[in-house]
């Protein structure tokens, strides 16, 4: 992934946006419009 390689070459912070399909089950997940306090860690939790 070119973005990860470029980020690793930088000395400071680097922002990378990862777009994940809404049907993918990637956890922990923050639901759309939610904050970090709304993080879902259980794949059985419905949004």
N, C-alpha and C. Protein backbone atom coordinates (compact mmCIF):
# COMPACT_ATOMS: atom_id res chain seq x y z
N UNK A 1 0.84 -1.17 0.00
CA UNK A 1 0.00 0.00 0.00
C UNK A 1 0.89 1.24 0.00
N UNK A 2 0.86 1.99 -1.07
CA UNK A 2 1.72 3.17 -1.18
C UNK A 2 1.53 4.19 -0.06
N UNK A 3 0.30 4.38 0.40
CA UNK A 3 0.05 5.37 1.46
C UNK A 3 0.75 4.97 2.75
N UNK A 4 0.76 3.69 3.10
CA UNK A 4 1.44 3.25 4.32
C UNK A 4 2.95 3.42 4.19
N UNK A 5 3.49 3.12 3.02
CA UNK A 5 4.94 3.30 2.81
C UNK A 5 5.31 4.77 2.96
N UNK A 6 4.53 5.65 2.35
CA UNK A 6 4.81 7.08 2.44
C UNK A 6 4.70 7.57 3.88
N UNK A 7 3.69 7.12 4.61
CA UNK A 7 3.51 7.53 6.01
C UNK A 7 4.70 7.07 6.85
N UNK A 8 5.21 5.88 6.60
CA UNK A 8 6.35 5.37 7.36
C UNK A 8 7.63 6.17 7.09
N UNK A 9 7.70 6.83 5.95
CA UNK A 9 8.88 7.64 5.62
C UNK A 9 8.86 9.00 6.31
N UNK A 10 7.72 9.43 6.79
CA UNK A 10 7.59 10.74 7.43
C UNK A 10 8.02 10.68 8.89
N UNK A 11 8.56 11.80 9.38
CA UNK A 11 8.99 11.88 10.78
C UNK A 11 7.83 12.22 11.71
N UNK A 12 6.86 12.94 11.22
CA UNK A 12 5.76 13.40 12.06
C UNK A 12 4.49 12.61 11.83
N UNK A 13 3.39 13.14 12.36
CA UNK A 13 2.11 12.46 12.19
C UNK A 13 1.69 12.45 10.71
N UNK A 14 0.89 11.48 10.37
CA UNK A 14 0.42 11.33 8.99
C UNK A 14 -0.99 10.76 9.04
N UNK A 15 -1.90 11.35 8.30
CA UNK A 15 -3.29 10.90 8.29
C UNK A 15 -3.55 10.05 7.06
N UNK A 16 -4.11 8.86 7.28
CA UNK A 16 -4.50 7.98 6.18
C UNK A 16 -5.97 7.65 6.37
N UNK A 17 -6.76 7.83 5.33
CA UNK A 17 -8.18 7.48 5.38
C UNK A 17 -8.35 6.09 4.78
N UNK A 18 -8.92 5.18 5.56
CA UNK A 18 -9.22 3.84 5.07
C UNK A 18 -10.72 3.75 4.83
N UNK A 19 -11.12 3.46 3.63
CA UNK A 19 -12.53 3.31 3.29
C UNK A 19 -12.87 1.83 3.37
N UNK A 20 -13.86 1.50 4.19
CA UNK A 20 -14.25 0.11 4.40
C UNK A 20 -15.69 -0.06 3.95
N UNK A 21 -15.96 -1.08 3.18
CA UNK A 21 -17.32 -1.38 2.72
C UNK A 21 -18.24 -1.56 3.92
N UNK A 22 -19.44 -1.02 3.82
CA UNK A 22 -20.37 -1.06 4.96
C UNK A 22 -20.77 -2.48 5.35
N UNK A 23 -20.60 -3.43 4.46
CA UNK A 23 -20.94 -4.83 4.77
C UNK A 23 -19.75 -5.59 5.36
N UNK A 24 -18.58 -4.98 5.38
CA UNK A 24 -17.40 -5.63 5.95
C UNK A 24 -17.47 -5.58 7.47
N UNK A 25 -17.00 -6.60 8.10
CA UNK A 25 -17.01 -6.67 9.56
C UNK A 25 -15.59 -6.44 10.07
N UNK A 26 -15.28 -5.17 10.32
CA UNK A 26 -13.96 -4.77 10.79
C UNK A 26 -14.14 -4.14 12.16
N UNK A 27 -13.56 -4.72 13.17
CA UNK A 27 -13.73 -4.26 14.55
C UNK A 27 -12.39 -3.98 15.18
N UNK A 28 -12.30 -2.99 16.09
CA UNK A 28 -13.36 -2.12 16.56
C UNK A 28 -13.79 -1.15 15.46
N UNK A 29 -15.04 -0.68 15.55
CA UNK A 29 -15.64 0.18 14.54
C UNK A 29 -16.38 1.34 15.22
N UNK A 30 -16.26 2.53 14.64
CA UNK A 30 -17.05 3.68 15.10
C UNK A 30 -18.16 3.87 14.07
N UNK A 31 -19.43 3.80 14.49
CA UNK A 31 -20.52 3.93 13.53
C UNK A 31 -20.55 5.33 12.91
N UNK A 32 -21.12 5.45 11.70
CA UNK A 32 -21.20 6.75 11.04
C UNK A 32 -21.87 7.79 11.94
N UNK A 33 -21.26 8.94 12.06
CA UNK A 33 -21.80 10.01 12.88
C UNK A 33 -21.53 9.84 14.37
N UNK A 34 -20.88 8.74 14.76
CA UNK A 34 -20.61 8.46 16.16
C UNK A 34 -19.26 9.01 16.60
N UNK A 35 -19.04 8.99 17.89
CA UNK A 35 -17.77 9.41 18.46
C UNK A 35 -17.02 8.20 18.98
N UNK A 36 -15.84 8.43 19.52
CA UNK A 36 -15.05 7.31 20.04
C UNK A 36 -15.76 6.58 21.17
N UNK A 37 -16.63 7.26 21.90
CA UNK A 37 -17.39 6.61 22.97
C UNK A 37 -18.44 5.65 22.44
N UNK A 38 -18.72 5.71 21.13
CA UNK A 38 -19.71 4.83 20.51
C UNK A 38 -19.06 3.63 19.83
N UNK A 39 -17.79 3.40 20.08
CA UNK A 39 -17.06 2.32 19.42
C UNK A 39 -17.73 0.98 19.65
N UNK A 40 -17.88 0.22 18.56
CA UNK A 40 -18.44 -1.12 18.62
C UNK A 40 -17.29 -2.13 18.61
N UNK A 41 -17.29 -3.04 19.55
CA UNK A 41 -16.26 -4.07 19.60
C UNK A 41 -16.83 -5.46 19.41
N UNK A 42 -18.16 -5.57 19.46
CA UNK A 42 -18.83 -6.86 19.34
C UNK A 42 -19.51 -6.94 17.99
N UNK A 43 -19.16 -7.91 17.15
CA UNK A 43 -19.78 -8.00 15.83
C UNK A 43 -21.29 -8.25 15.86
N UNK A 44 -21.84 -8.64 17.00
CA UNK A 44 -23.28 -8.89 17.09
C UNK A 44 -24.07 -7.63 17.44
N UNK A 45 -23.37 -6.52 17.76
CA UNK A 45 -24.02 -5.26 18.08
C UNK A 45 -24.54 -4.63 16.79
N UNK A 46 -25.82 -4.25 16.79
CA UNK A 46 -26.41 -3.62 15.59
C UNK A 46 -26.29 -2.11 15.68
N UNK A 47 -26.07 -1.48 14.55
CA UNK A 47 -25.98 -0.02 14.46
C UNK A 47 -27.34 0.53 14.08
